[in-house]
C-alpha atoms as a PDB file:
ATOM      1  CA  MET A   1       1.815 -95.318  32.100  1.00  0.00           C
ATOM      2  CA  GLN A   2       0.781 -92.512  34.355  1.00  0.00           C
ATOM      3  CA  THR A   3      -2.786 -91.889  35.364  1.00  0.00           C
ATOM      4  CA  ARG A   4      -4.817 -88.870  36.293  1.00  0.00           C
ATOM      5  CA  ARG A   5      -4.440 -89.574  39.999  1.00  0.00           C
ATOM      6  CA  GLN A   6      -0.800 -88.749  39.896  1.00  0.00           C
ATOM      7  CA  GLY A   7      -1.615 -85.316  38.480  1.00  0.00           C
ATOM      8  CA  ILE A   8      -0.842 -85.882  34.837  1.00  0.00           C
ATOM      9  CA  GLU A   9      -3.678 -85.776  32.323  1.00  0.00           C
ATOM     10  CA  LEU A  10      -3.760 -88.316  29.550  1.00  0.00           C
ATOM     11  CA  ASP A  11      -4.049 -87.227  25.948  1.00  0.00           C
ATOM     12  CA  ARG A  12      -7.636 -87.883  25.019  1.00  0.00           C
ATOM     13  CA  PRO A  13      -9.416 -86.790  21.905  1.00  0.00           C
ATOM     14  CA  LYS A  14     -11.805 -83.940  22.503  1.00  0.00           C
ATOM     15  CA  ALA A  15     -15.522 -84.617  22.278  1.00  0.00           C
ATOM     16  CA  LYS A  16     -17.043 -83.991  18.883  1.00  0.00           C
ATOM     17  CA  GLN A  17     -18.903 -80.765  18.609  1.00  0.00           C
ATOM     18  CA  ARG A  18     -22.318 -80.750  17.051  1.00  0.00           C
ATOM     19  CA  PRO A  19     -22.484 -78.948  13.740  1.00  0.00           C
ATOM     20  CA  LYS A  20     -24.272 -75.635  13.871  1.00  0.00           C
ATOM     21  CA  PRO A  21     -27.673 -75.691  12.167  1.00  0.00           C
ATOM     22  CA  LYS A  22     -27.742 -74.043   8.775  1.00  0.00           C
ATOM     23  CA  PRO A  23     -29.779 -70.888   8.570  1.00  0.00           C
ATOM     24  CA  LYS A  24     -33.120 -71.395   6.863  1.00  0.00           C
ATOM     25  CA  GLN A  25     -33.411 -69.935   3.433  1.00  0.00           C
ATOM     26  CA  PRO A  26     -36.349 -67.671   2.813  1.00  0.00           C
ATOM     27  CA  THR A  27     -39.146 -69.236   0.794  1.00  0.00           C
ATOM     28  CA  VAL A  28     -39.456 -68.034  -2.753  1.00  0.00           C
ATOM     29  CA  LYS A  29     -42.939 -67.323  -4.005  1.00  0.00           C
ATOM     30  CA  ALA A  30     -43.792 -68.449  -7.509  1.00  0.00           C
ATOM     31  CA  GLU A  31     -43.871 -65.637  -9.954  1.00  0.00           C
ATOM     32  CA  LEU A  32     -46.276 -65.398 -12.831  1.00  0.00           C
ATOM     33  CA  PRO A  33     -44.687 -65.837 -16.234  1.00  0.00           C
ATOM     34  CA  LYS A  34     -43.826 -62.692 -18.082  1.00  0.00           C
ATOM     35  CA  PRO A  35     -45.980 -61.810 -21.084  1.00  0.00           C
ATOM     36  CA  GLU A  36     -43.296 -62.923 -23.562  1.00  0.00           C
ATOM     37  CA  GLN A  37     -43.155 -66.319 -21.814  1.00  0.00           C
ATOM     38  CA  GLN A  38     -46.907 -66.917 -21.875  1.00  0.00           C
ATOM     39  CA  ARG A  39     -48.268 -69.271 -24.473  1.00  0.00           C
ATOM     40  CA  THR A  40     -50.050 -67.842 -27.421  1.00  0.00           C
ATOM     41  CA  SER A  41     -53.628 -68.672 -28.205  1.00  0.00           C
ATOM     42  CA  ALA A  42     -52.483 -70.623 -31.287  1.00  0.00           C
ATOM     43  CA  GLU A  43     -50.388 -72.928 -29.132  1.00  0.00           C
ATOM     44  CA  PHE A  44     -53.344 -73.382 -26.794  1.00  0.00           C
ATOM     45  CA  VAL A  45     -55.663 -74.301 -29.679  1.00  0.00           C
ATOM     46  CA  ALA A  46     -53.066 -76.759 -31.001  1.00  0.00           C
ATOM     47  CA  ALA A  47     -52.813 -78.401 -27.586  1.00  0.00           C
ATOM     48  CA  LEU A  48     -56.606 -78.751 -27.397  1.00  0.00           C
ATOM     49  CA  ALA A  49     -56.655 -80.345 -30.857  1.00  0.00           C
ATOM     50  CA  THR A  50     -54.017 -82.856 -29.765  1.00  0.00           C
ATOM     51  CA  ILE A  51     -56.046 -83.713 -26.655  1.00  0.00           C
ATOM     52  CA  ASP A  52     -59.135 -84.280 -28.817  1.00  0.00           C
ATOM     53  CA  GLU A  53     -57.184 -86.585 -31.156  1.00  0.00           C
ATOM     54  CA  LEU A  54     -55.815 -88.603 -28.257  1.00  0.00           C
ATOM     55  CA  THR A  55     -59.272 -88.914 -26.687  1.00  0.00           C
ATOM     56  CA  LEU A  56     -60.632 -90.239 -29.982  1.00  0.00           C
ATOM     57  CA  THR A  57     -57.735 -92.709 -30.252  1.00  0.00           C
ATOM     58  CA  VAL A  58     -58.372 -94.012 -26.722  1.00  0.00           C
ATOM     59  CA  ALA A  59     -62.077 -94.486 -27.493  1.00  0.00           C
ATOM     60  CA  THR A  60     -61.230 -96.386 -30.696  1.00  0.00           C
ATOM     61  CA  LEU A  61     -58.780 -98.658 -28.883  1.00  0.00           C
ATOM     62  CA  ARG A  62     -61.304 -99.385 -26.135  1.00  0.00           C
ATOM     63  CA  THR A  63     -63.877-100.355 -28.761  1.00  0.00           C
ATOM     64  CA  GLN A  64     -61.391-102.681 -30.472  1.00  0.00           C
ATOM     65  CA  LEU A  65     -60.519-104.281 -27.138  1.00  0.00           C
ATOM     66  CA  ALA A  66     -64.182-104.857 -26.330  1.00  0.00           C
ATOM     67  CA  GLU A  67     -64.665-106.517 -29.733  1.00  0.00           C
ATOM     68  CA  ARG A  68     -61.729-108.846 -29.126  1.00  0.00           C
ATOM     69  CA  GLU A  69     -62.984-109.830 -25.699  1.00  0.00           C
ATOM     70  CA  ALA A  70     -66.499-110.399 -27.043  1.00  0.00           C
ATOM     71  CA  GLU A  71     -65.478-113.299 -29.284  1.00  0.00           C
ATOM     72  CA  PRO A  72     -68.080-116.070 -29.354  1.00  0.00           C
ATOM     73  CA  LYS A  73     -67.836-118.513 -26.467  1.00  0.00           C
ATOM     74  CA  ILE A  74     -67.319-122.127 -27.388  1.00  0.00           C
ATOM     75  CA  TYR A  75     -69.109-124.500 -25.044  1.00  0.00           C
ATOM     76  CA  VAL A  76     -67.917-128.096 -24.812  1.00  0.00           C
ATOM     77  CA  PRO A  77     -69.025-130.891 -22.491  1.00  0.00           C
ATOM     78  CA  LEU A  78     -67.764-130.346 -18.950  1.00  0.00           C
ATOM     79  CA  LYS A  79     -65.639-133.491 -18.879  1.00  0.00           C
ATOM     80  CA  GLU A  80     -63.776-132.490 -22.056  1.00  0.00           C
ATOM     81  CA  ALA A  81     -63.350-128.896 -20.900  1.00  0.00           C
ATOM     82  CA  ALA A  82     -61.982-130.059 -17.550  1.00  0.00           C
ATOM     83  CA  PHE A  83     -59.544-132.422 -19.277  1.00  0.00           C
ATOM     84  CA  ASP A  84     -58.341-129.643 -21.604  1.00  0.00           C
ATOM     85  CA  ALA A  85     -57.872-127.312 -18.614  1.00  0.00           C
ATOM     86  CA  SER A  86     -55.991-129.967 -16.580  1.00  0.00           C
ATOM     87  CA  VAL A  87     -58.645-130.079 -13.869  1.00  0.00           C
ATOM     88  CA  ARG A  88     -60.515-133.089 -12.522  1.00  0.00           C
ATOM     89  CA  ASP A  89     -64.057-133.213 -13.821  1.00  0.00           C
ATOM     90  CA  ASN A  90     -65.487-133.502 -10.289  1.00  0.00           C
ATOM     91  CA  ARG A  91     -63.813-130.211  -9.343  1.00  0.00           C
ATOM     92  CA  ALA A  92     -65.223-128.561 -12.473  1.00  0.00           C
ATOM     93  CA  ARG A  93     -68.680-129.906 -11.545  1.00  0.00           C
ATOM     94  CA  VAL A  94     -68.398-128.298  -8.100  1.00  0.00           C
ATOM     95  CA  TRP A  95     -67.390-125.002  -9.719  1.00  0.00           C
ATOM     96  CA  HIS A  96     -70.418-125.295 -12.031  1.00  0.00           C
ATOM     97  CA  HIS A  97     -72.820-125.839  -9.147  1.00  0.00           C
ATOM     98  CA  LYS A  98     -71.305-122.904  -7.223  1.00  0.00           C
ATOM     99  CA  GLY A  99     -71.535-120.711 -10.325  1.00  0.00           C
ATOM    100  CA  LEU A 100     -67.791-120.031 -10.453  1.00  0.00           C
ATOM    101  CA  ILE A 101     -67.295-120.917 -14.136  1.00  0.00           C
ATOM    102  CA  ASP A 102     -69.078-120.006 -17.339  1.00  0.00           C
ATOM    103  CA  SER A 103     -71.263-123.082 -17.809  1.00  0.00           C
ATOM    104  CA  ARG A 104     -74.852-124.113 -18.462  1.00  0.00           C
ATOM    105  CA  LYS A 105     -77.005-127.160 -18.978  1.00  0.00           C
ATOM    106  CA  ASP A 106     -77.719-128.058 -22.574  1.00  0.00           C
ATOM    107  CA  ALA A 107     -80.120-130.962 -23.224  1.00  0.00           C
ATOM    108  CA  GLY A 108     -79.372-132.396 -19.783  1.00  0.00           C
ATOM    109  CA  ARG A 109     -75.594-132.172 -20.142  1.00  0.00           C
ATOM    110  CA  ILE A 110     -73.375-129.631 -18.469  1.00  0.00           C
ATOM    111  CA  VAL A 111     -71.337-127.659 -20.986  1.00  0.00           C
ATOM    112  CA  ALA A 112     -68.662-125.112 -20.118  1.00  0.00           C
ATOM    113  CA  THR A 113     -65.992-122.969 -21.713  1.00  0.00           C
ATOM    114  CA  VAL A 114     -62.412-124.135 -21.366  1.00  0.00           C
ATOM    115  CA  VAL A 115     -61.227-120.553 -20.838  1.00  0.00           C
ATOM    116  CA  SER A 116     -63.444-120.075 -17.771  1.00  0.00           C
ATOM    117  CA  ILE A 117     -62.175-123.301 -16.200  1.00  0.00           C
ATOM    118  CA  ILE A 118     -58.555-122.299 -16.825  1.00  0.00           C
ATOM    119  CA  LYS A 119     -59.169-118.857 -15.284  1.00  0.00           C
ATOM    120  CA  ARG A 120     -60.797-120.499 -12.233  1.00  0.00           C
ATOM    121  CA  ARG A 121     -57.899-122.958 -11.911  1.00  0.00           C
ATOM    122  CA  ILE A 122     -55.405-120.087 -11.955  1.00  0.00           C
ATOM    123  CA  LEU A 123     -57.397-118.234  -9.298  1.00  0.00           C
ATOM    124  CA  ALA A 124     -57.659-121.358  -7.146  1.00  0.00           C
ATOM    125  CA  THR A 125     -54.092-122.647  -7.386  1.00  0.00           C
ATOM    126  CA  GLY A 126     -52.049-119.810  -8.812  1.00  0.00           C
ATOM    127  CA  LYS A 127     -50.772-122.142 -11.579  1.00  0.00           C
END
């Protein structure tokens, strides 16, 4: 094989040329719709009526949700609630004293809701 020193050039691929940048396209300004494309006042009134109906539906659904969440709380003795929630009663007692669960004292006994202990357990352990 001959080299450049002997006066013969080797066949090498030419360097890649960078592509020329594309010319920028002029920006197009938004045009106002033509009068025949504009909405009529009847369509606008119909759209407003639909919005009002949907707003009323959302308010009704929020009220129903609040009623479901406001079901009466059932308080049971802390030891039973802890057992039902798969938590040790000492841990539930600590949560009661820290105010982390929905509980109260009733005639000297601590009573709590099972749901609040389960929610606290999920927050504490992720299970």
